């Protein structure tokens, strides 16, 4: 009576590796939790296009903007854990947002599986070329003269650019008025048009308009200058020693995604990132490429959760 069952079990055992080897046999979707045209969107499309071309896969981008990126992250968490639905997450929506918002119930460590680290980039503070502010010192002087009157935009409340701008305001002892947007692209438009005075942004989001002469860069937030903008001083050089903050980007999958699928995606993504053409493209957009293991991305996530919780608590940042 056990023979049919045993035969079936053996068949499944034999077929399982073959099934695993067929991954992927359908399109892979990469969720971008912001609007098209921003830095995260650019990075995701660069990686997705090369993954598809190099491996003859179909890799598509799906923009799911809102709530500082948490809507897109939440959708990825709810997706089937089969390797076919990924998300381009980053420090702000994976680490900072769950610390800041009681309404955000996910925990990136518990709910997502790291797939591949993509790169990191400092935040940049910019203004319109028609703005009266030529330097960061000009902004501080104006902000001290008119507390709460200087406005700055970001890709959304709780995003890394928002938080870093608030960290800076605290250190500089000024009151800046935050104007949140659903992504970097609409914020860029309003800053260029003069509706908002400043923008705190990732370099990939702002670099094109800086090169086009529509935005004036004031400072980058990393410890050292960006290779993409070597003439732009750091915040630390501008009078605030020790100021050093940056954001990072990585691919994640729903928790429970097969390890074989994650291993393949990590291998193929790292192969893309190691290509000189891709490195040059990323560096030209202000992103430092850092291919790494799945475990290294997991460790980075855990360490940053501890670091940023302490930082947010230390400067007493709260959001409504």
C-alpha atoms as a PDB file:
ATOM      1  CA  UNK A   1       0.000   0.000   0.000  1.00  0.00           C
ATOM      2  CA  UNK A   2       3.016   2.274   0.470  1.00  0.00           C
ATOM      3  CA  UNK A   3       4.481   1.633  -2.989  1.00  0.00           C
ATOM      4  CA  UNK A   4       2.451   4.308  -4.904  1.00  0.00           C
ATOM      5  CA  UNK A   5       3.250   6.869  -2.202  1.00  0.00           C
ATOM      6  CA  UNK A   6       6.939   5.963  -2.251  1.00  0.00           C
ATOM      7  CA  UNK A   7       7.067   6.142  -6.043  1.00  0.00           C
ATOM      8  CA  UNK A   8       5.455   9.601  -5.996  1.00  0.00           C
ATOM      9  CA  UNK A   9       7.816  10.847  -3.276  1.00  0.00           C
ATOM     10  CA  UNK A  10      10.842   9.632  -5.210  1.00  0.00           C
ATOM     11  CA  UNK A  11       9.570  11.306  -8.365  1.00  0.00           C
ATOM     12  CA  UNK A  12       9.140  14.594  -6.542  1.00  0.00           C
ATOM     13  CA  UNK A  13      12.613  14.329  -5.063  1.00  0.00           C
ATOM     14  CA  UNK A  14      14.108  13.747  -8.498  1.00  0.00           C
ATOM     15  CA  UNK A  15      12.116  16.514 -10.142  1.00  0.00           C
ATOM     16  CA  UNK A  16      12.686  19.189  -7.479  1.00  0.00           C
ATOM     17  CA  UNK A  17      16.208  20.155  -8.601  1.00  0.00           C
ATOM     18  CA  UNK A  18      15.047  20.271 -12.199  1.00  0.00           C
ATOM     19  CA  UNK A  19      12.243  22.650 -11.261  1.00  0.00           C
ATOM     20  CA  UNK A  20      14.684  24.856  -9.354  1.00  0.00           C
ATOM     21  CA  UNK A  21      16.967  24.950 -12.387  1.00  0.00           C
ATOM     22  CA  UNK A  22      14.195  26.396 -14.532  1.00  0.00           C
ATOM     23  CA  UNK A  23      14.112  29.666 -12.529  1.00  0.00           C
ATOM     24  CA  UNK A  24      13.274  32.089 -13.916  1.00  0.00           C
ATOM     25  CA  UNK A  25      10.728  30.821 -16.411  1.00  0.00           C
ATOM     26  CA  UNK A  26       8.454  33.871 -16.237  1.00  0.00           C
ATOM     27  CA  UNK A  27       8.938  37.662 -16.028  1.00  0.00           C
ATOM     28  CA  UNK A  28      10.596  39.114 -12.919  1.00  0.00           C
ATOM     29  CA  UNK A  29       9.109  42.341 -11.578  1.00  0.00           C
ATOM     30  CA  UNK A  30      11.183  44.865  -9.653  1.00  0.00           C
ATOM     31  CA  UNK A  31       9.042  47.226  -7.600  1.00  0.00           C
ATOM     32  CA  UNK A  32      10.361  50.793  -7.365  1.00  0.00           C
ATOM     33  CA  UNK A  33       8.683  52.473  -4.386  1.00  0.00           C
ATOM     34  CA  UNK A  34       8.904  55.958  -5.918  1.00  0.00           C
ATOM     35  CA  UNK A  35       7.744  57.789  -9.025  1.00  0.00           C
ATOM     36  CA  UNK A  36       9.510  57.373 -12.388  1.00  0.00           C
ATOM     37  CA  UNK A  37      12.445  59.668 -13.004  1.00  0.00           C
ATOM     38  CA  UNK A  38      14.025  59.643  -9.554  1.00  0.00           C
ATOM     39  CA  UNK A  39      17.319  58.178  -8.404  1.00  0.00           C
ATOM     40  CA  UNK A  40      15.906  54.871  -7.187  1.00  0.00           C
ATOM     41  CA  UNK A  41      14.026  54.462 -10.452  1.00  0.00           C
ATOM     42  CA  UNK A  42      17.195  55.112 -12.472  1.00  0.00           C
ATOM     43  CA  UNK A  43      19.224  52.560 -10.509  1.00  0.00           C
ATOM     44  CA  UNK A  44      16.509  49.920 -10.691  1.00  0.00           C
ATOM     45  CA  UNK A  45      16.079  50.351 -14.451  1.00  0.00           C
ATOM     46  CA  UNK A  46      19.830  50.216 -15.056  1.00  0.00           C
ATOM     47  CA  UNK A  47      20.146  46.931 -13.171  1.00  0.00           C
ATOM     48  CA  UNK A  48      16.911  45.455 -14.523  1.00  0.00           C
ATOM     49  CA  UNK A  49      17.742  46.250 -18.150  1.00  0.00           C
ATOM     50  CA  UNK A  50      21.180  44.639 -17.903  1.00  0.00           C
ATOM     51  CA  UNK A  51      19.862  41.607 -16.020  1.00  0.00           C
ATOM     52  CA  UNK A  52      17.353  41.075 -18.785  1.00  0.00           C
ATOM     53  CA  UNK A  53      19.749  41.642 -21.665  1.00  0.00           C
ATOM     54  CA  UNK A  54      22.624  39.586 -20.259  1.00  0.00           C
ATOM     55  CA  UNK A  55      20.553  36.572 -19.216  1.00  0.00           C
ATOM     56  CA  UNK A  56      17.708  36.673 -21.743  1.00  0.00           C
ATOM     57  CA  UNK A  57      15.267  37.254 -18.902  1.00  0.00           C
ATOM     58  CA  UNK A  58      12.232  39.494 -18.916  1.00  0.00           C
ATOM     59  CA  UNK A  59      12.701  41.983 -16.078  1.00  0.00           C
ATOM     60  CA  UNK A  60      10.107  44.749 -15.731  1.00  0.00           C
ATOM     61  CA  UNK A  61       9.874  47.808 -13.481  1.00  0.00           C
ATOM     62  CA  UNK A  62       6.708  48.633 -11.561  1.00  0.00           C
ATOM     63  CA  UNK A  63       6.524  52.029  -9.827  1.00  0.00           C
ATOM     64  CA  UNK A  64       4.515  52.010  -6.592  1.00  0.00           C
ATOM     65  CA  UNK A  65       4.999  55.441  -5.026  1.00  0.00           C
ATOM     66  CA  UNK A  66       3.719  56.912  -1.788  1.00  0.00           C
ATOM     67  CA  UNK A  67       4.296  57.181   1.954  1.00  0.00           C
ATOM     68  CA  UNK A  68       8.039  57.671   1.560  1.00  0.00           C
ATOM     69  CA  UNK A  69       8.430  54.331  -0.182  1.00  0.00           C
ATOM     70  CA  UNK A  70       6.609  52.218   2.400  1.00  0.00           C
ATOM     71  CA  UNK A  71       3.704  51.441   0.044  1.00  0.00           C
ATOM     72  CA  UNK A  72       6.019  49.734  -2.435  1.00  0.00           C
ATOM     73  CA  UNK A  73       7.894  47.907   0.314  1.00  0.00           C
ATOM     74  CA  UNK A  74       4.626  46.654   1.821  1.00  0.00           C
ATOM     75  CA  UNK A  75       3.473  45.361  -1.553  1.00  0.00           C
ATOM     76  CA  UNK A  76       6.726  43.432  -1.988  1.00  0.00           C
ATOM     77  CA  UNK A  77       6.319  41.869   1.449  1.00  0.00           C
ATOM     78  CA  UNK A  78       2.820  40.660   0.538  1.00  0.00           C
ATOM     79  CA  UNK A  79       3.966  39.170  -2.777  1.00  0.00           C
ATOM     80  CA  UNK A  80       4.386  35.454  -3.368  1.00  0.00           C
ATOM     81  CA  UNK A  81       7.802  34.328  -2.151  1.00  0.00           C
ATOM     82  CA  UNK A  82       8.871  32.703  -5.409  1.00  0.00           C
ATOM     83  CA  UNK A  83      11.644  35.023  -6.649  1.00  0.00           C
ATOM     84  CA  UNK A  84       9.534  36.703  -9.308  1.00  0.00           C
ATOM     85  CA  UNK A  85       8.713  39.862  -7.369  1.00  0.00           C
ATOM     86  CA  UNK A  86      11.555  41.972  -5.963  1.00  0.00           C
ATOM     87  CA  UNK A  87      11.838  45.504  -4.620  1.00  0.00           C
ATOM     88  CA  UNK A  88      14.596  48.098  -4.858  1.00  0.00           C
ATOM     89  CA  UNK A  89      14.697  49.101  -1.215  1.00  0.00           C
ATOM     90  CA  UNK A  90      16.928  51.611   0.459  1.00  0.00           C
ATOM     91  CA  UNK A  91      18.007  52.773   3.865  1.00  0.00           C
ATOM     92  CA  UNK A  92      15.147  55.220   4.382  1.00  0.00           C
ATOM     93  CA  UNK A  93      12.174  52.960   3.692  1.00  0.00           C
ATOM     94  CA  UNK A  94      13.731  49.800   5.135  1.00  0.00           C
ATOM     95  CA  UNK A  95      15.476  51.204   8.209  1.00  0.00           C
ATOM     96  CA  UNK A  96      14.342  54.718   9.073  1.00  0.00           C
ATOM     97  CA  UNK A  97      10.628  54.620   8.278  1.00  0.00           C
ATOM     98  CA  UNK A  98       9.745  51.701  10.590  1.00  0.00           C
ATOM     99  CA  UNK A  99      11.561  53.522  13.416  1.00  0.00           C
ATOM    100  CA  UNK A 100       9.707  56.771  12.783  1.00  0.00           C
ATOM    101  CA  UNK A 101       6.166  55.607  12.089  1.00  0.00           C
ATOM    102  CA  UNK A 102       3.926  53.545  14.331  1.00  0.00           C
ATOM    103  CA  UNK A 103       1.660  52.953  11.314  1.00  0.00           C
ATOM    104  CA  UNK A 104       4.415  51.037   9.534  1.00  0.00           C
ATOM    105  CA  UNK A 105       4.163  47.500  10.820  1.00  0.00           C
ATOM    106  CA  UNK A 106       6.791  45.779   8.725  1.00  0.00           C
ATOM    107  CA  UNK A 107      10.295  44.911   9.847  1.00  0.00           C
ATOM    108  CA  UNK A 108      12.773  44.475   7.009  1.00  0.00           C
ATOM    109  CA  UNK A 109      14.746  41.850   8.907  1.00  0.00           C
ATOM    110  CA  UNK A 110      11.680  39.715   9.611  1.00  0.00           C
ATOM    111  CA  UNK A 111       9.685  40.365   6.429  1.00  0.00           C
ATOM    112  CA  UNK A 112      12.217  40.589   3.605  1.00  0.00           C
ATOM    113  CA  UNK A 113      15.067  38.487   2.275  1.00  0.00           C
ATOM    114  CA  UNK A 114      18.217  40.356   1.150  1.00  0.00           C
ATOM    115  CA  UNK A 115      19.110  39.623  -2.475  1.00  0.00           C
ATOM    116  CA  UNK A 116      21.874  41.977  -3.612  1.00  0.00           C
ATOM    117  CA  UNK A 117      23.530  45.188  -2.470  1.00  0.00           C
ATOM    118  CA  UNK A 118      23.639  47.745  -5.285  1.00  0.00           C
ATOM    119  CA  UNK A 119      25.481  50.813  -4.012  1.00  0.00           C
ATOM    120  CA  UNK A 120      25.562  53.896  -1.830  1.00  0.00           C
ATOM    121  CA  UNK A 121      25.403  57.637  -2.314  1.00  0.00           C
ATOM    122  CA  UNK A 122      25.555  60.755  -0.157  1.00  0.00           C
ATOM    123  CA  UNK A 123      22.669  63.181  -0.037  1.00  0.00           C
ATOM    124  CA  UNK A 124      23.141  66.561  -1.693  1.00  0.00           C
ATOM    125  CA  UNK A 125      21.654  69.925  -0.788  1.00  0.00           C
ATOM    126  CA  UNK A 126      20.802  72.022  -3.841  1.00  0.00           C
ATOM    127  CA  UNK A 127      18.920  75.161  -4.836  1.00  0.00           C
ATOM    128  CA  UNK A 128      17.811  76.775  -8.097  1.00  0.00           C
ATOM    129  CA  UNK A 129      20.476  78.549 -10.131  1.00  0.00           C
ATOM    130  CA  UNK A 130      18.281  81.636  -9.778  1.00  0.00           C
ATOM    131  CA  UNK A 131      18.346  81.396  -5.988  1.00  0.00           C
ATOM    132  CA  UNK A 132      20.187  84.043  -3.936  1.00  0.00           C
ATOM    133  CA  UNK A 133      21.945  81.260  -1.992  1.00  0.00           C
ATOM    134  CA  UNK A 134      25.446  80.676  -3.337  1.00  0.00           C
ATOM    135  CA  UNK A 135      26.762  78.599  -0.427  1.00  0.00           C
ATOM    136  CA  UNK A 136      25.495  76.594   2.518  1.00  0.00           C
ATOM    137  CA  UNK A 137      26.569  79.493   4.738  1.00  0.00           C
ATOM    138  CA  UNK A 138      24.118  81.734   2.844  1.00  0.00           C
ATOM    139  CA  UNK A 139      21.282  79.343   3.647  1.00  0.00           C
ATOM    140  CA  UNK A 140      22.191  79.232   7.333  1.00  0.00           C
ATOM    141  CA  UNK A 141      22.387  83.009   7.537  1.00  0.00           C
ATOM    142  CA  UNK A 142      18.950  83.395   5.930  1.00  0.00           C
ATOM    143  CA  UNK A 143      17.445  80.652   8.090  1.00  0.00           C
ATOM    144  CA  UNK A 144      18.695  82.272  11.282  1.00  0.00           C
ATOM    145  CA  UNK A 145      17.315  85.626  10.167  1.00  0.00           C
ATOM    146  CA  UNK A 146      13.891  84.163   9.319  1.00  0.00           C
ATOM    147  CA  UNK A 147      13.261  80.993  11.369  1.00  0.00           C
ATOM    148  CA  UNK A 148      10.835  78.580   9.673  1.00  0.00           C
ATOM    149  CA  UNK A 149      10.666  80.604   6.471  1.00  0.00           C
ATOM    150  CA  UNK A 150      13.222  78.687   4.377  1.00  0.00           C
ATOM    151  CA  UNK A 151      11.580  75.712   2.657  1.00  0.00           C
ATOM    152  CA  UNK A 152      13.180  72.513   1.432  1.00  0.00           C
ATOM    153  CA  UNK A 153      11.729  69.597  -0.501  1.00  0.00           C
ATOM    154  CA  UNK A 154      12.489  65.885  -0.330  1.00  0.00           C
ATOM    155  CA  UNK A 155      11.264  62.638  -1.884  1.00  0.00           C
ATOM    156  CA  UNK A 156       8.951  62.163   1.096  1.00  0.00           C
ATOM    157  CA  UNK A 157       8.631  62.300   4.852  1.00  0.00           C
ATOM    158  CA  UNK A 158      10.877  59.751   6.534  1.00  0.00           C
ATOM    159  CA  UNK A 159      13.152  59.331   3.525  1.00  0.00           C
ATOM    160  CA  UNK A 160      16.908  59.574   4.042  1.00  0.00           C
ATOM    161  CA  UNK A 161      17.136  63.028   2.373  1.00  0.00           C
ATOM    162  CA  UNK A 162      14.432  64.302   4.746  1.00  0.00           C
ATOM    163  CA  UNK A 163      16.079  62.840   7.823  1.00  0.00           C
ATOM    164  CA  UNK A 164      19.570  64.009   6.898  1.00  0.00           C
ATOM    165  CA  UNK A 165      18.254  67.523   6.277  1.00  0.00           C
ATOM    166  CA  UNK A 166      16.636  67.447   9.707  1.00  0.00           C
ATOM    167  CA  UNK A 167      19.872  66.170  11.256  1.00  0.00           C
ATOM    168  CA  UNK A 168      21.683  69.050   9.600  1.00  0.00           C
ATOM    169  CA  UNK A 169      19.118  71.625  10.759  1.00  0.00           C
ATOM    170  CA  UNK A 170      19.563  70.345  14.302  1.00  0.00           C
ATOM    171  CA  UNK A 171      23.359  70.554  14.112  1.00  0.00           C
ATOM    172  CA  UNK A 172      23.241  74.016  12.509  1.00  0.00           C
ATOM    173  CA  UNK A 173      20.587  75.166  14.982  1.00  0.00           C
ATOM    174  CA  UNK A 174      18.166  76.432  12.335  1.00  0.00           C
ATOM    175  CA  UNK A 175      14.471  75.891  11.633  1.00  0.00           C
ATOM    176  CA  UNK A 176      13.750  74.768   8.053  1.00  0.00           C
ATOM    177  CA  UNK A 177      10.255  74.031   6.718  1.00  0.00           C
ATOM    178  CA  UNK A 178       9.973  70.587   5.111  1.00  0.00           C
ATOM    179  CA  UNK A 179       7.826  70.124   1.980  1.00  0.00           C
ATOM    180  CA  UNK A 180       7.410  66.378   1.279  1.00  0.00           C
ATOM    181  CA  UNK A 181       6.793  64.999  -2.212  1.00  0.00           C
ATOM    182  CA  UNK A 182       5.968  61.573  -3.654  1.00  0.00           C
ATOM    183  CA  UNK A 183       9.403  61.089  -5.133  1.00  0.00           C
ATOM    184  CA  UNK A 184      12.334  63.246  -6.223  1.00  0.00           C
ATOM    185  CA  UNK A 185      11.093  64.177  -9.706  1.00  0.00           C
ATOM    186  CA  UNK A 186       8.218  66.474  -8.649  1.00  0.00           C
ATOM    187  CA  UNK A 187      10.389  68.005  -5.908  1.00  0.00           C
ATOM    188  CA  UNK A 188      13.083  68.818  -8.475  1.00  0.00           C
ATOM    189  CA  UNK A 189      10.536  70.561 -10.684  1.00  0.00           C
ATOM    190  CA  UNK A 190       9.339  72.838  -7.889  1.00  0.00           C
ATOM    191  CA  UNK A 191      12.841  73.725  -6.729  1.00  0.00           C
ATOM    192  CA  UNK A 192      13.926  74.581 -10.267  1.00  0.00           C
ATOM    193  CA  UNK A 193      10.761  76.683 -10.609  1.00  0.00           C
ATOM    194  CA  UNK A 194      11.395  78.497  -7.345  1.00  0.00           C
ATOM    195  CA  UNK A 195       8.279  77.266  -5.534  1.00  0.00           C
ATOM    196  CA  UNK A 196      10.564  75.605  -2.958  1.00  0.00           C
ATOM    197  CA  UNK A 197      13.916  77.111  -2.014  1.00  0.00           C
ATOM    198  CA  UNK A 198      16.051  74.039  -1.339  1.00  0.00           C
ATOM    199  CA  UNK A 199      16.119  70.337  -2.117  1.00  0.00           C
ATOM    200  CA  UNK A 200      17.623  67.528  -0.075  1.00  0.00           C
ATOM    201  CA  UNK A 201      18.113  64.718  -2.563  1.00  0.00           C
ATOM    202  CA  UNK A 202      20.125  61.697  -3.520  1.00  0.00           C
ATOM    203  CA  UNK A 203      22.828  62.585  -6.046  1.00  0.00           C
ATOM    204  CA  UNK A 204      21.344  60.298  -8.753  1.00  0.00           C
ATOM    205  CA  UNK A 205      18.077  62.212  -8.598  1.00  0.00           C
ATOM    206  CA  UNK A 206      19.618  65.679  -8.860  1.00  0.00           C
ATOM    207  CA  UNK A 207      22.752  65.199 -10.952  1.00  0.00           C
ATOM    208  CA  UNK A 208      21.118  65.539 -14.358  1.00  0.00           C
ATOM    209  CA  UNK A 209      19.636  68.945 -13.513  1.00  0.00           C
ATOM    210  CA  UNK A 210      22.898  70.049 -11.893  1.00  0.00           C
ATOM    211  CA  UNK A 211      24.782  69.202 -15.101  1.00  0.00           C
ATOM    212  CA  UNK A 212      22.070  70.930 -17.125  1.00  0.00           C
ATOM    213  CA  UNK A 213      22.728  74.116 -15.169  1.00  0.00           C
ATOM    214  CA  UNK A 214      19.311  74.284 -13.560  1.00  0.00           C
ATOM    215  CA  UNK A 215      20.342  73.447 -10.000  1.00  0.00           C
ATOM    216  CA  UNK A 216      23.171  74.854  -7.875  1.00  0.00           C
ATOM    217  CA  UNK A 217      24.773  72.274  -5.559  1.00  0.00           C
ATOM    218  CA  UNK A 218      25.600  73.570  -2.083  1.00  0.00           C
ATOM    219  CA  UNK A 219      27.021  70.595  -0.178  1.00  0.00           C
ATOM    220  CA  UNK A 220      27.145  66.805   0.016  1.00  0.00           C
ATOM    221  CA  UNK A 221      26.537  64.997   3.286  1.00  0.00           C
ATOM    222  CA  UNK A 222      29.257  62.331   3.174  1.00  0.00           C
ATOM    223  CA  UNK A 223      32.620  62.594   4.932  1.00  0.00           C
ATOM    224  CA  UNK A 224      34.431  63.061   1.618  1.00  0.00           C
ATOM    225  CA  UNK A 225      33.498  64.756  -1.632  1.00  0.00           C
ATOM    226  CA  UNK A 226      31.610  62.826  -4.291  1.00  0.00           C
ATOM    227  CA  UNK A 227      33.712  61.734  -7.306  1.00  0.00           C
ATOM    228  CA  UNK A 228      30.758  62.794  -9.451  1.00  0.00           C
ATOM    229  CA  UNK A 229      30.889  66.363  -8.107  1.00  0.00           C
ATOM    230  CA  UNK A 230      34.465  66.939  -6.895  1.00  0.00           C
ATOM    231  CA  UNK A 231      34.031  70.718  -6.718  1.00  0.00           C
ATOM    232  CA  UNK A 232      31.102  70.545  -4.306  1.00  0.00           C
ATOM    233  CA  UNK A 233      32.159  70.835  -0.643  1.00  0.00           C
ATOM    234  CA  UNK A 234      30.942  68.533   2.094  1.00  0.00           C
ATOM    235  CA  UNK A 235      28.770  69.695   4.973  1.00  0.00           C
ATOM    236  CA  UNK A 236      31.733  68.929   7.223  1.00  0.00           C
ATOM    237  CA  UNK A 237      33.965  71.249   5.175  1.00  0.00           C
ATOM    238  CA  UNK A 238      31.281  73.912   5.386  1.00  0.00           C
ATOM    239  CA  UNK A 239      31.682  74.268   9.121  1.00  0.00           C
ATOM    240  CA  UNK A 240      30.148  71.140  10.650  1.00  0.00           C
ATOM    241  CA  UNK A 241      32.988  68.669  11.324  1.00  0.00           C
ATOM    242  CA  UNK A 242      32.076  65.008  11.633  1.00  0.00           C
ATOM    243  CA  UNK A 243      28.847  65.285   9.614  1.00  0.00           C
ATOM    244  CA  UNK A 244      28.708  62.042   7.607  1.00  0.00           C
ATOM    245  CA  UNK A 245      25.497  60.484   6.284  1.00  0.00           C
ATOM    246  CA  UNK A 246      24.666  58.581   3.100  1.00  0.00           C
ATOM    247  CA  UNK A 247      21.930  56.376   1.714  1.00  0.00           C
ATOM    248  CA  UNK A 248      22.206  52.939   0.118  1.00  0.00           C
ATOM    249  CA  UNK A 249      20.199  50.786  -2.273  1.00  0.00           C
ATOM    250  CA  UNK A 250      19.605  47.038  -2.454  1.00  0.00           C
ATOM    251  CA  UNK A 251      17.360  44.392  -3.971  1.00  0.00           C
ATOM    252  CA  UNK A 252      15.108  42.457  -1.609  1.00  0.00           C
ATOM    253  CA  UNK A 253      12.533  39.670  -1.963  1.00  0.00           C
ATOM    254  CA  UNK A 254       9.640  38.510   0.230  1.00  0.00           C
ATOM    255  CA  UNK A 255      10.729  36.423   3.210  1.00  0.00           C
ATOM    256  CA  UNK A 256      10.645  32.737   2.369  1.00  0.00           C
ATOM    257  CA  UNK A 257      11.876  33.144  -1.192  1.00  0.00           C
ATOM    258  CA  UNK A 258      13.851  29.982  -2.127  1.00  0.00           C
ATOM    259  CA  UNK A 259      17.544  30.286  -1.347  1.00  0.00           C
ATOM    260  CA  UNK A 260      18.382  28.894  -4.788  1.00  0.00           C
ATOM    261  CA  UNK A 261      16.522  31.780  -6.458  1.00  0.00           C
ATOM    262  CA  UNK A 262      18.178  34.350  -4.183  1.00  0.00           C
ATOM    263  CA  UNK A 263      21.622  32.885  -4.827  1.00  0.00           C
ATOM    264  CA  UNK A 264      21.100  33.048  -8.596  1.00  0.00           C
ATOM    265  CA  UNK A 265      19.756  36.614  -8.447  1.00  0.00           C
ATOM    266  CA  UNK A 266      22.683  37.694  -6.273  1.00  0.00           C
ATOM    267  CA  UNK A 267      25.185  36.093  -8.653  1.00  0.00           C
ATOM    268  CA  UNK A 268      23.660  37.634 -11.767  1.00  0.00           C
ATOM    269  CA  UNK A 269      23.176  41.069 -10.174  1.00  0.00           C
ATOM    270  CA  UNK A 270      26.790  41.154  -9.000  1.00  0.00           C
ATOM    271  CA  UNK A 271      27.878  40.180 -12.504  1.00  0.00           C
ATOM    272  CA  UNK A 272      25.985  43.195 -13.837  1.00  0.00           C
ATOM    273  CA  UNK A 273      27.437  45.543 -11.217  1.00  0.00           C
ATOM    274  CA  UNK A 274      30.991  44.392 -11.940  1.00  0.00           C
ATOM    275  CA  UNK A 275      30.754  45.419 -15.591  1.00  0.00           C
ATOM    276  CA  UNK A 276      32.835  48.508 -16.373  1.00  0.00           C
ATOM    277  CA  UNK A 277      29.999  49.993 -18.410  1.00  0.00           C
ATOM    278  CA  UNK A 278      27.599  49.746 -15.496  1.00  0.00           C
ATOM    279  CA  UNK A 279      30.190  51.029 -13.013  1.00  0.00           C
ATOM    280  CA  UNK A 280      30.789  54.075 -15.189  1.00  0.00           C
ATOM    281  CA  UNK A 281      27.070  54.714 -15.558  1.00  0.00           C
ATOM    282  CA  UNK A 282      26.491  54.490 -11.814  1.00  0.00           C
ATOM    283  CA  UNK A 283      29.495  56.641 -10.908  1.00  0.00           C
ATOM    284  CA  UNK A 284      28.345  59.251 -13.417  1.00  0.00           C
ATOM    285  CA  UNK A 285      25.131  59.393 -11.398  1.00  0.00           C
ATOM    286  CA  UNK A 286      26.860  59.694  -8.033  1.00  0.00           C
ATOM    287  CA  UNK A 287      26.489  56.091  -6.896  1.00  0.00           C
ATOM    288  CA  UNK A 288      29.389  54.022  -5.628  1.00  0.00           C
ATOM    289  CA  UNK A 289      28.959  50.418  -6.750  1.00  0.00           C
ATOM    290  CA  UNK A 290      29.516  47.823  -4.035  1.00  0.00           C
ATOM    291  CA  UNK A 291      28.675  44.247  -5.159  1.00  0.00           C
ATOM    292  CA  UNK A 292      28.452  42.016  -2.098  1.00  0.00           C
ATOM    293  CA  UNK A 293      27.094  38.811  -0.630  1.00  0.00           C
ATOM    294  CA  UNK A 294      23.593  38.212   0.636  1.00  0.00           C
ATOM    295  CA  UNK A 295      24.967  37.840   4.169  1.00  0.00           C
ATOM    296  CA  UNK A 296      26.828  41.142   3.969  1.00  0.00           C
ATOM    297  CA  UNK A 297      23.613  42.945   2.998  1.00  0.00           C
ATOM    298  CA  UNK A 298      21.805  41.265   5.888  1.00  0.00           C
ATOM    299  CA  UNK A 299      24.507  42.428   8.305  1.00  0.00           C
ATOM    300  CA  UNK A 300      24.414  45.969   6.921  1.00  0.00           C
ATOM    301  CA  UNK A 301      20.661  46.086   7.414  1.00  0.00           C
ATOM    302  CA  UNK A 302      20.901  44.962  11.047  1.00  0.00           C
ATOM    303  CA  UNK A 303      23.750  47.336  11.889  1.00  0.00           C
ATOM    304  CA  UNK A 304      22.028  50.328  10.319  1.00  0.00           C
ATOM    305  CA  UNK A 305      18.825  49.664  12.211  1.00  0.00           C
ATOM    306  CA  UNK A 306      20.774  50.072  15.447  1.00  0.00           C
ATOM    307  CA  UNK A 307      22.770  53.086  14.222  1.00  0.00           C
ATOM    308  CA  UNK A 308      19.815  55.044  12.867  1.00  0.00           C
ATOM    309  CA  UNK A 309      17.570  54.382  15.839  1.00  0.00           C
ATOM    310  CA  UNK A 310      20.232  55.911  18.073  1.00  0.00           C
ATOM    311  CA  UNK A 311      20.701  58.875  15.726  1.00  0.00           C
ATOM    312  CA  UNK A 312      16.969  59.569  15.463  1.00  0.00           C
ATOM    313  CA  UNK A 313      16.614  59.339  19.230  1.00  0.00           C
ATOM    314  CA  UNK A 314      19.647  61.563  19.830  1.00  0.00           C
ATOM    315  CA  UNK A 315      18.342  64.426  17.699  1.00  0.00           C
ATOM    316  CA  UNK A 316      14.745  63.836  18.832  1.00  0.00           C
ATOM    317  CA  UNK A 317      13.215  63.673  15.371  1.00  0.00           C
ATOM    318  CA  UNK A 318       9.491  63.021  15.314  1.00  0.00           C
ATOM    319  CA  UNK A 319       7.075  62.968  12.376  1.00  0.00           C
ATOM    320  CA  UNK A 320       3.310  63.260  12.264  1.00  0.00           C
END
